[in-house]
Amino acid sequence: MMKKILATALLLACSLPLSALAATKTVTVKEAKTLRDDTRVVLTGKIVSRAGDDDHYWLQDSTGKIRIDVDDDDWEDNHVAIGKKVRVVGDVDKNDRRTEIEVDHIRVVH
């Protein structure tokens, strides 16, 4: 009986669209700061400056600014876009009473 239940659950999960399994929420910086750790988000804003070491930057929109952590291989066109409007996809990362976005993908938007 348990094997049938697990098999049915697996079939249902496999039949769902990928977007339903990895829901991504488009949010503002202000909203992102209120979300739980590991929440998947999309943000759009301007990279205004570096925020410490080479991988950290400040992303600003009309609601505020947030630190983002971007590895070199996450850039769509492989370059830093300080002063450019970008869209980032990543996860909320809460630690040391600070909220930042652990970026999986970033690209310049016009």
N, C-alpha and C. Protein backbone atom coordinates (compact mmCIF):
# COMPACT_ATOMS: atom_id res chain seq x y z
N MET A 1 0.82 -1.19 0.00
CA MET A 1 0.00 0.00 0.00
C MET A 1 0.87 1.26 0.00
N MET A 2 1.91 1.27 0.87
CA MET A 2 2.78 2.44 0.96
C MET A 2 3.51 2.67 -0.36
N LYS A 3 3.92 1.59 -1.02
CA LYS A 3 4.61 1.72 -2.31
C LYS A 3 3.69 2.34 -3.35
N LYS A 4 2.40 2.00 -3.33
CA LYS A 4 1.44 2.58 -4.28
C LYS A 4 1.26 4.07 -4.04
N ILE A 5 1.21 4.46 -2.77
CA ILE A 5 1.05 5.87 -2.43
C ILE A 5 2.27 6.66 -2.89
N LEU A 6 3.47 6.14 -2.61
CA LEU A 6 4.69 6.82 -3.04
C LEU A 6 4.79 6.90 -4.55
N ALA A 7 4.43 5.84 -5.25
CA ALA A 7 4.47 5.83 -6.71
C ALA A 7 3.50 6.86 -7.28
N THR A 8 2.30 6.94 -6.71
CA THR A 8 1.30 7.92 -7.16
C THR A 8 1.80 9.34 -6.93
N ALA A 9 2.37 9.59 -5.76
CA ALA A 9 2.90 10.93 -5.46
C ALA A 9 4.01 11.30 -6.43
N LEU A 10 4.88 10.37 -6.75
CA LEU A 10 5.96 10.63 -7.68
C LEU A 10 5.43 10.92 -9.08
N LEU A 11 4.43 10.17 -9.52
CA LEU A 11 3.83 10.42 -10.84
C LEU A 11 3.18 11.79 -10.90
N LEU A 12 2.48 12.17 -9.84
CA LEU A 12 1.85 13.49 -9.81
C LEU A 12 2.89 14.59 -9.84
N ALA A 13 3.95 14.45 -9.07
CA ALA A 13 5.02 15.47 -9.05
C ALA A 13 5.67 15.59 -10.41
N CYS A 14 5.88 14.47 -11.09
CA CYS A 14 6.52 14.50 -12.41
C CYS A 14 5.62 15.11 -13.47
N SER A 15 4.32 15.08 -13.25
CA SER A 15 3.40 15.61 -14.25
C SER A 15 3.17 17.11 -14.10
N LEU A 16 3.61 17.68 -12.96
CA LEU A 16 3.47 19.11 -12.76
C LEU A 16 4.48 19.87 -13.60
N PRO A 17 4.12 21.07 -14.07
CA PRO A 17 5.11 21.88 -14.78
C PRO A 17 6.25 22.25 -13.84
N LEU A 18 7.44 22.40 -14.40
CA LEU A 18 8.62 22.73 -13.61
C LEU A 18 8.40 24.00 -12.81
N SER A 19 7.69 24.98 -13.39
CA SER A 19 7.45 26.24 -12.70
C SER A 19 6.65 26.04 -11.42
N ALA A 20 5.80 25.04 -11.38
CA ALA A 20 5.02 24.78 -10.17
C ALA A 20 5.89 24.15 -9.10
N LEU A 21 6.89 23.39 -9.49
CA LEU A 21 7.77 22.74 -8.53
C LEU A 21 8.79 23.71 -7.95
N ALA A 22 9.22 24.67 -8.72
CA ALA A 22 10.21 25.65 -8.27
C ALA A 22 9.63 27.05 -8.45
N ALA A 23 8.58 27.33 -7.70
CA ALA A 23 7.89 28.60 -7.84
C ALA A 23 8.83 29.75 -7.54
N THR A 24 8.82 30.75 -8.40
CA THR A 24 9.65 31.93 -8.24
C THR A 24 8.74 33.13 -8.16
N LYS A 25 8.92 33.93 -7.14
CA LYS A 25 8.06 35.08 -6.90
C LYS A 25 8.79 36.36 -7.29
N THR A 26 8.16 37.20 -8.12
CA THR A 26 8.72 38.50 -8.46
C THR A 26 8.36 39.47 -7.34
N VAL A 27 9.40 40.09 -6.76
CA VAL A 27 9.20 40.94 -5.59
C VAL A 27 10.03 42.22 -5.70
N THR A 28 9.71 43.17 -4.83
CA THR A 28 10.53 44.37 -4.68
C THR A 28 11.60 44.08 -3.63
N VAL A 29 12.56 44.98 -3.53
CA VAL A 29 13.60 44.85 -2.50
C VAL A 29 12.95 44.84 -1.11
N LYS A 30 12.01 45.73 -0.88
CA LYS A 30 11.34 45.81 0.42
C LYS A 30 10.66 44.48 0.75
N GLU A 31 9.97 43.89 -0.22
CA GLU A 31 9.31 42.61 0.01
C GLU A 31 10.34 41.50 0.27
N ALA A 32 11.41 41.49 -0.49
CA ALA A 32 12.43 40.44 -0.34
C ALA A 32 12.98 40.41 1.08
N LYS A 33 13.13 41.56 1.69
CA LYS A 33 13.68 41.63 3.04
C LYS A 33 12.76 41.01 4.09
N THR A 34 11.48 40.84 3.76
CA THR A 34 10.52 40.27 4.71
C THR A 34 10.30 38.77 4.52
N LEU A 35 10.84 38.21 3.44
CA LEU A 35 10.59 36.80 3.13
C LEU A 35 11.48 35.87 3.94
N ARG A 36 11.06 34.62 4.00
CA ARG A 36 11.82 33.61 4.74
C ARG A 36 13.08 33.20 3.98
N ASP A 37 14.03 32.70 4.72
CA ASP A 37 15.28 32.19 4.16
C ASP A 37 14.97 31.14 3.09
N ASP A 38 15.74 31.17 2.02
CA ASP A 38 15.63 30.22 0.91
C ASP A 38 14.40 30.40 0.02
N THR A 39 13.67 31.51 0.18
CA THR A 39 12.55 31.79 -0.73
C THR A 39 13.12 32.17 -2.09
N ARG A 40 12.61 31.56 -3.15
CA ARG A 40 13.05 31.82 -4.52
C ARG A 40 12.41 33.11 -5.00
N VAL A 41 13.21 34.06 -5.53
CA VAL A 41 12.69 35.36 -5.93
C VAL A 41 13.29 35.83 -7.25
N VAL A 42 12.60 36.79 -7.86
CA VAL A 42 13.09 37.55 -9.00
C VAL A 42 12.99 39.01 -8.61
N LEU A 43 14.08 39.76 -8.79
CA LEU A 43 14.10 41.19 -8.50
C LEU A 43 14.64 41.94 -9.72
N THR A 44 14.13 43.14 -9.91
CA THR A 44 14.66 44.02 -10.96
C THR A 44 15.06 45.33 -10.31
N GLY A 45 16.26 45.78 -10.63
CA GLY A 45 16.75 47.04 -10.08
C GLY A 45 18.07 47.42 -10.71
N LYS A 46 18.68 48.44 -10.16
CA LYS A 46 19.94 48.96 -10.68
C LYS A 46 21.08 48.55 -9.75
N ILE A 47 22.17 48.06 -10.33
CA ILE A 47 23.38 47.77 -9.56
C ILE A 47 24.04 49.13 -9.29
N VAL A 48 24.07 49.56 -8.01
CA VAL A 48 24.57 50.90 -7.72
C VAL A 48 26.03 50.92 -7.29
N SER A 49 26.54 49.81 -6.73
CA SER A 49 27.95 49.78 -6.34
C SER A 49 28.31 48.39 -5.84
N ARG A 50 29.61 48.22 -5.60
CA ARG A 50 30.08 46.99 -4.94
C ARG A 50 29.70 47.08 -3.47
N ALA A 51 29.58 45.92 -2.85
CA ALA A 51 29.24 45.87 -1.42
C ALA A 51 30.23 44.96 -0.72
N GLY A 52 31.45 45.41 -0.64
CA GLY A 52 32.47 44.59 0.01
C GLY A 52 33.36 43.92 -1.01
N ASP A 53 33.41 42.58 -0.94
CA ASP A 53 34.34 41.85 -1.81
C ASP A 53 33.84 41.77 -3.26
N ASP A 54 34.57 41.07 -4.08
CA ASP A 54 34.30 41.01 -5.51
C ASP A 54 32.94 40.44 -5.88
N ASP A 55 32.35 39.59 -5.05
CA ASP A 55 31.10 38.92 -5.40
C ASP A 55 29.85 39.64 -4.90
N HIS A 56 29.98 40.69 -4.12
CA HIS A 56 28.82 41.36 -3.52
C HIS A 56 28.60 42.74 -4.13
N TYR A 57 27.32 43.04 -4.39
CA TYR A 57 26.91 44.31 -4.99
C TYR A 57 25.65 44.79 -4.30
N TRP A 58 25.36 46.07 -4.45
CA TRP A 58 24.09 46.64 -3.97
C TRP A 58 23.14 46.76 -5.15
N LEU A 59 21.96 46.18 -4.99
CA LEU A 59 20.87 46.28 -5.97
C LEU A 59 19.82 47.22 -5.39
N GLN A 60 19.42 48.23 -6.16
CA GLN A 60 18.45 49.21 -5.67
C GLN A 60 17.26 49.29 -6.60
N ASP A 61 16.06 49.34 -5.99
CA ASP A 61 14.85 49.64 -6.75
C ASP A 61 14.15 50.80 -6.05
N SER A 62 12.94 51.10 -6.41
CA SER A 62 12.24 52.25 -5.83
C SER A 62 11.89 52.05 -4.36
N THR A 63 12.02 50.82 -3.83
CA THR A 63 11.65 50.55 -2.44
C THR A 63 12.84 50.43 -1.50
N GLY A 64 14.06 50.44 -2.03
CA GLY A 64 15.23 50.32 -1.17
C GLY A 64 16.37 49.61 -1.87
N LYS A 65 17.37 49.20 -1.07
CA LYS A 65 18.48 48.47 -1.67
C LYS A 65 18.80 47.23 -0.84
N ILE A 66 19.38 46.24 -1.51
CA ILE A 66 19.69 44.97 -0.89
C ILE A 66 21.01 44.47 -1.45
N ARG A 67 21.76 43.79 -0.61
CA ARG A 67 23.02 43.21 -1.05
C ARG A 67 22.75 41.92 -1.82
N ILE A 68 23.46 41.76 -2.93
CA ILE A 68 23.33 40.53 -3.71
C ILE A 68 24.71 39.88 -3.83
N ASP A 69 24.72 38.56 -3.85
CA ASP A 69 25.94 37.77 -3.96
C ASP A 69 25.93 37.12 -5.34
N VAL A 70 26.85 37.56 -6.21
CA VAL A 70 26.86 37.12 -7.60
C VAL A 70 28.21 36.49 -7.93
N ASP A 71 28.21 35.21 -8.23
CA ASP A 71 29.44 34.55 -8.70
C ASP A 71 29.67 34.94 -10.16
N ASP A 72 30.93 34.96 -10.58
CA ASP A 72 31.26 35.36 -11.95
C ASP A 72 30.49 34.57 -13.01
N ASP A 73 30.27 33.29 -12.77
CA ASP A 73 29.60 32.47 -13.79
C ASP A 73 28.08 32.66 -13.81
N ASP A 74 27.53 33.51 -12.93
CA ASP A 74 26.09 33.79 -12.93
C ASP A 74 25.71 34.90 -13.90
N TRP A 75 26.69 35.70 -14.34
CA TRP A 75 26.41 36.81 -15.25
C TRP A 75 26.11 36.27 -16.64
N GLU A 76 25.00 36.68 -17.22
CA GLU A 76 24.62 36.22 -18.55
C GLU A 76 25.65 36.60 -19.59
N ASP A 77 26.15 37.83 -19.52
CA ASP A 77 27.12 38.28 -20.53
C ASP A 77 28.51 38.44 -19.93
N ASN A 78 28.73 37.82 -18.75
CA ASN A 78 30.07 37.69 -18.15
C ASN A 78 30.74 39.02 -17.80
N HIS A 79 29.98 40.02 -17.41
CA HIS A 79 30.61 41.26 -16.95
C HIS A 79 29.75 41.93 -15.89
N VAL A 80 30.39 42.69 -15.05
CA VAL A 80 29.70 43.43 -13.99
C VAL A 80 28.99 44.62 -14.61
N ALA A 81 27.80 44.88 -14.15
CA ALA A 81 26.97 45.91 -14.77
C ALA A 81 26.64 47.04 -13.80
N ILE A 82 27.65 47.59 -13.12
CA ILE A 82 27.40 48.69 -12.19
C ILE A 82 26.82 49.86 -12.98
N GLY A 83 25.71 50.39 -12.46
CA GLY A 83 25.00 51.48 -13.14
C GLY A 83 23.94 51.00 -14.12
N LYS A 84 23.82 49.71 -14.31
CA LYS A 84 22.85 49.15 -15.26
C LYS A 84 21.65 48.57 -14.53
N LYS A 85 20.52 48.55 -15.22
CA LYS A 85 19.33 47.90 -14.70
C LYS A 85 19.45 46.41 -14.99
N VAL A 86 19.21 45.58 -13.96
CA VAL A 86 19.36 44.14 -14.11
C VAL A 86 18.15 43.41 -13.54
N ARG A 87 18.01 42.18 -13.96
CA ARG A 87 17.03 41.26 -13.36
C ARG A 87 17.82 40.11 -12.77
N VAL A 88 17.55 39.81 -11.49
CA VAL A 88 18.24 38.71 -10.82
C VAL A 88 17.24 37.65 -10.41
N VAL A 89 17.68 36.40 -10.48
CA VAL A 89 16.92 35.27 -9.98
C VAL A 89 17.79 34.61 -8.93
N GLY A 90 17.23 34.38 -7.77
CA GLY A 90 18.01 33.76 -6.71
C GLY A 90 17.18 33.45 -5.49
N ASP A 91 17.87 33.21 -4.38
CA ASP A 91 17.23 32.82 -3.13
C ASP A 91 17.54 33.83 -2.04
N VAL A 92 16.54 34.11 -1.21
CA VAL A 92 16.74 34.95 -0.04
C VAL A 92 17.68 34.22 0.90
N ASP A 93 18.68 34.95 1.39
CA ASP A 93 19.66 34.38 2.31
C ASP A 93 19.70 35.25 3.56
N LYS A 94 19.22 34.72 4.66
CA LYS A 94 19.20 35.47 5.92
C LYS A 94 20.27 34.92 6.84
N ASN A 95 21.20 35.81 7.24
CA ASN A 95 22.22 35.43 8.22
C ASN A 95 22.73 36.68 8.91
N ASP A 96 23.11 36.54 10.16
CA ASP A 96 23.63 37.66 10.96
C ASP A 96 22.72 38.88 10.90
N ARG A 97 21.42 38.65 10.96
CA ARG A 97 20.42 39.73 10.91
C ARG A 97 20.51 40.56 9.63
N ARG A 98 21.08 39.98 8.59
CA ARG A 98 21.18 40.65 7.30
C ARG A 98 20.49 39.78 6.25
N THR A 99 19.76 40.43 5.36
CA THR A 99 19.12 39.71 4.27
C THR A 99 19.83 40.08 2.98
N GLU A 100 20.21 39.08 2.22
CA GLU A 100 20.78 39.31 0.90
C GLU A 100 20.21 38.28 -0.05
N ILE A 101 20.51 38.45 -1.32
CA ILE A 101 20.05 37.52 -2.34
C ILE A 101 21.24 36.74 -2.87
N GLU A 102 21.16 35.43 -2.78
CA GLU A 102 22.16 34.53 -3.36
C GLU A 102 21.73 34.31 -4.81
N VAL A 103 22.42 34.97 -5.74
CA VAL A 103 22.00 35.02 -7.14
C VAL A 103 22.40 33.74 -7.89
N ASP A 104 21.43 33.22 -8.66
CA ASP A 104 21.68 32.09 -9.54
C ASP A 104 21.86 32.55 -10.99
N HIS A 105 21.19 33.65 -11.33
CA HIS A 105 21.26 34.17 -12.70
C HIS A 105 21.01 35.67 -12.66
N ILE A 106 21.78 36.40 -13.46
CA ILE A 106 21.60 37.85 -13.55
C ILE A 106 21.80 38.28 -15.00
N ARG A 107 20.96 39.23 -15.42
CA ARG A 107 21.13 39.75 -16.79
C ARG A 107 20.73 41.21 -16.85
N VAL A 108 21.36 41.92 -17.76
CA VAL A 108 21.04 43.33 -17.97
C VAL A 108 19.72 43.42 -18.72
N VAL A 109 18.85 44.32 -18.28
CA VAL A 109 17.57 44.57 -18.96
C VAL A 109 17.53 46.03 -19.39
N HIS A 110 16.72 46.31 -20.35
CA HIS A 110 16.64 47.69 -20.88
C HIS A 110 15.33 48.33 -20.57
